[in-house]
Amino acid sequence: MLGNGGRRRGERPITAACLELVREAERIAASRKVDVVVLTGGSRGGRPSEAEQMYEAWAGPDVALVVEPTASITAENAARTLPLLVERGVERALVVCAPLHFYRTRFFFSRLFEPCGIQTSFHVAAVAQGARAFAWEIAAVPLCRRQLRAARAELAQRGCA
């Protein structure tokens, strides 16, 4: 599951929307057979990452929780989650995201996971988002192809491509 953090005075606290995503992932994990949940989202300035904060907020079933605390953009979320799933033998992944984030999430995760044999599906959580989130998504679209190339290069460097 992806973070959905905001920035405030140099911090990256998880937002109410991110907490709603955690709750949605908990509901999914409680209703399906889930072996592992990967929480991904970075930090700046040595503060707890989004992934670490999501881990602390987790109140769902007892499943393996894996923290990926370094990704700062969606392409990195996908590229840095992929090796964690491959090393665990995961063949199917369900990516939980916010509604406005769905298109970029699908763009990166499908293009990176599926060539590695991980069947990828998506769950769009009913999370309230505002104009700022919409503007962020629109501004990010022109960067997607370049970020995908960088993610593929990162995976190739790690021997995961």
Protein backbone atom coordinates (compact mmCIF):
# COMPACT_ATOMS: atom_id res chain seq x y z
CA MET A 1 0.00 0.00 0.00
CA LEU A 2 1.21 3.45 -0.90
CA GLY A 3 1.66 6.38 1.41
CA ASN A 4 -0.35 9.52 0.90
CA GLY A 5 1.57 12.00 3.01
CA GLY A 6 1.55 15.74 3.15
CA ARG A 7 4.41 18.02 4.06
CA ARG A 8 4.32 20.42 6.95
CA ARG A 9 7.35 22.32 8.32
CA GLY A 10 9.85 19.83 6.96
CA GLU A 11 7.98 16.83 8.35
CA ARG A 12 6.13 14.24 6.38
CA PRO A 13 3.36 13.18 8.73
CA ILE A 14 0.84 10.76 7.37
CA THR A 15 -2.38 12.45 6.47
CA ALA A 16 -5.93 11.54 7.38
CA ALA A 17 -6.21 10.16 3.84
CA CYS A 18 -3.20 7.92 4.47
CA LEU A 19 -4.77 6.65 7.68
CA GLU A 20 -7.94 5.88 5.72
CA LEU A 21 -5.80 3.87 3.27
CA VAL A 22 -4.34 1.93 6.20
CA ARG A 23 -7.85 1.19 7.50
CA GLU A 24 -8.91 0.02 4.02
CA ALA A 25 -5.88 -2.28 3.76
CA GLU A 26 -6.76 -3.67 7.19
CA ARG A 27 -10.30 -4.46 6.00
CA ILE A 28 -8.95 -6.18 2.91
CA ALA A 29 -6.43 -8.19 4.93
CA ALA A 30 -9.21 -9.26 7.31
CA SER A 31 -11.51 -10.44 4.50
CA ARG A 32 -9.01 -12.19 2.19
CA LYS A 33 -6.05 -14.50 2.49
CA VAL A 34 -3.16 -12.06 2.66
CA ASP A 35 0.38 -13.28 3.24
CA VAL A 36 2.23 -9.98 3.29
CA VAL A 37 1.47 -6.26 3.32
CA VAL A 38 4.14 -3.91 2.05
CA LEU A 39 3.92 -0.36 3.36
CA THR A 40 5.90 2.05 1.24
CA GLY A 41 6.68 5.72 1.65
CA GLY A 42 9.75 7.70 2.55
CA SER A 43 10.82 10.50 4.83
CA ARG A 44 12.98 13.57 4.86
CA GLY A 45 15.19 14.93 7.57
CA GLY A 46 15.56 11.76 9.61
CA ARG A 47 11.96 11.73 10.79
CA PRO A 48 9.86 8.54 10.70
CA SER A 49 8.91 7.60 7.16
CA GLU A 50 5.34 7.28 5.93
CA ALA A 51 5.87 3.51 5.82
CA GLU A 52 7.03 3.44 9.44
CA GLN A 53 4.08 5.60 10.51
CA MET A 54 1.67 3.32 8.63
CA TYR A 55 3.27 0.33 10.37
CA GLU A 56 2.69 1.99 13.76
CA ALA A 57 -0.93 2.76 12.79
CA TRP A 58 -1.67 -0.81 11.61
CA ALA A 59 -4.42 -2.39 13.71
CA GLY A 60 -5.38 -5.09 11.24
CA PRO A 61 -4.89 -8.82 11.30
CA ASP A 62 -1.60 -10.43 12.17
CA VAL A 63 0.07 -10.63 8.75
CA ALA A 64 3.66 -10.06 7.74
CA LEU A 65 4.15 -6.30 7.51
CA VAL A 66 7.12 -5.18 5.43
CA VAL A 67 8.27 -1.57 5.63
CA GLU A 68 9.86 0.07 2.58
CA PRO A 69 10.86 3.49 3.98
CA THR A 70 12.84 5.04 1.12
CA ALA A 71 10.47 5.75 -1.79
CA SER A 72 9.56 9.36 -2.36
CA ILE A 73 7.59 9.06 -5.63
CA THR A 74 5.18 6.49 -7.04
CA ALA A 75 7.72 5.04 -9.46
CA GLU A 76 10.05 4.40 -6.53
CA ASN A 77 7.19 2.85 -4.52
CA ALA A 78 6.77 0.30 -7.32
CA ALA A 79 10.48 -0.26 -8.01
CA ARG A 80 11.40 -0.69 -4.35
CA THR A 81 8.42 -2.88 -3.50
CA LEU A 82 9.02 -5.27 -6.41
CA PRO A 83 12.20 -6.94 -5.03
CA LEU A 84 10.50 -7.37 -1.65
CA LEU A 85 7.68 -9.31 -3.31
CA VAL A 86 9.97 -11.32 -5.60
CA GLU A 87 12.14 -12.48 -2.69
CA ARG A 88 8.99 -13.68 -0.91
CA GLY A 89 7.69 -15.56 -3.95
CA VAL A 90 4.60 -13.37 -4.31
CA GLU A 91 2.77 -14.00 -7.58
CA ARG A 92 -0.24 -11.71 -7.11
CA ALA A 93 -0.32 -8.21 -5.71
CA LEU A 94 -3.23 -5.97 -4.80
CA VAL A 95 -2.18 -2.32 -4.69
CA VAL A 96 -4.30 -0.08 -2.47
CA CYS A 97 -4.38 3.59 -3.46
CA ALA A 98 -6.42 6.77 -3.34
CA PRO A 99 -8.84 7.56 -6.20
CA LEU A 100 -6.87 10.39 -7.79
CA HIS A 101 -3.66 8.37 -7.54
CA PHE A 102 -5.05 5.32 -9.34
CA TYR A 103 -3.93 6.17 -12.87
CA ARG A 104 -0.28 6.79 -12.01
CA THR A 105 -0.27 3.86 -9.61
CA ARG A 106 -1.55 1.54 -12.35
CA PHE A 107 0.92 3.04 -14.86
CA PHE A 108 3.97 2.23 -12.73
CA PHE A 109 2.98 -0.96 -10.92
CA SER A 110 1.60 -2.74 -14.00
CA ARG A 111 4.62 -1.88 -16.12
CA LEU A 112 7.11 -2.95 -13.47
CA PHE A 113 5.40 -5.89 -11.76
CA GLU A 114 3.81 -7.80 -14.63
CA PRO A 115 7.04 -8.38 -16.65
CA CYS A 116 8.42 -9.98 -13.47
CA GLY A 117 5.49 -12.40 -13.28
CA ILE A 118 3.49 -10.64 -10.58
CA GLN A 119 -0.17 -10.36 -11.50
CA THR A 120 -1.22 -6.90 -10.39
CA SER A 121 -4.66 -5.62 -9.49
CA PHE A 122 -5.75 -2.41 -7.82
CA HIS A 123 -8.13 -1.39 -5.08
CA VAL A 124 -9.21 2.23 -5.07
CA ALA A 125 -10.16 3.19 -1.54
CA ALA A 126 -12.98 5.66 -0.90
CA VAL A 127 -10.68 8.38 0.41
CA ALA A 128 -11.61 12.05 0.38
CA GLN A 129 -9.14 14.15 -1.61
CA GLY A 130 -9.07 17.82 -2.36
CA ALA A 131 -8.01 20.20 -5.08
CA ARG A 132 -4.38 20.04 -3.97
CA ALA A 133 -4.23 16.27 -4.58
CA PHE A 134 -5.86 16.77 -7.98
CA ALA A 135 -3.33 19.46 -8.91
CA TRP A 136 -0.46 17.24 -7.73
CA GLU A 137 -1.63 14.37 -9.95
CA ILE A 138 -2.02 16.61 -13.00
CA ALA A 139 1.43 18.14 -12.48
CA ALA A 140 3.00 14.68 -12.16
CA VAL A 141 1.68 13.24 -15.44
CA PRO A 142 4.36 14.74 -17.72
CA LEU A 143 7.07 13.16 -15.53
CA CYS A 144 5.75 9.60 -15.68
CA ARG A 145 7.75 8.26 -18.63
CA ARG A 146 11.03 9.65 -17.30
CA GLN A 147 10.29 8.28 -13.83
CA LEU A 148 9.45 4.88 -15.32
CA ARG A 149 12.81 4.80 -17.13
CA ALA A 150 14.57 5.69 -13.87
CA ALA A 151 12.66 2.97 -11.99
CA ARG A 152 13.58 0.39 -14.62
CA ALA A 153 17.22 1.49 -14.45
CA GLU A 154 17.17 1.17 -10.64
CA LEU A 155 15.75 -2.35 -10.91
CA ALA A 156 18.30 -3.33 -13.57
CA GLN A 157 21.11 -2.06 -11.33
CA ARG A 158 19.79 -4.30 -8.54
CA GLY A 159 19.49 -7.23 -10.93
CA CYS A 160 15.70 -7.26 -10.65
CA ALA A 161 14.72 -6.23 -14.17
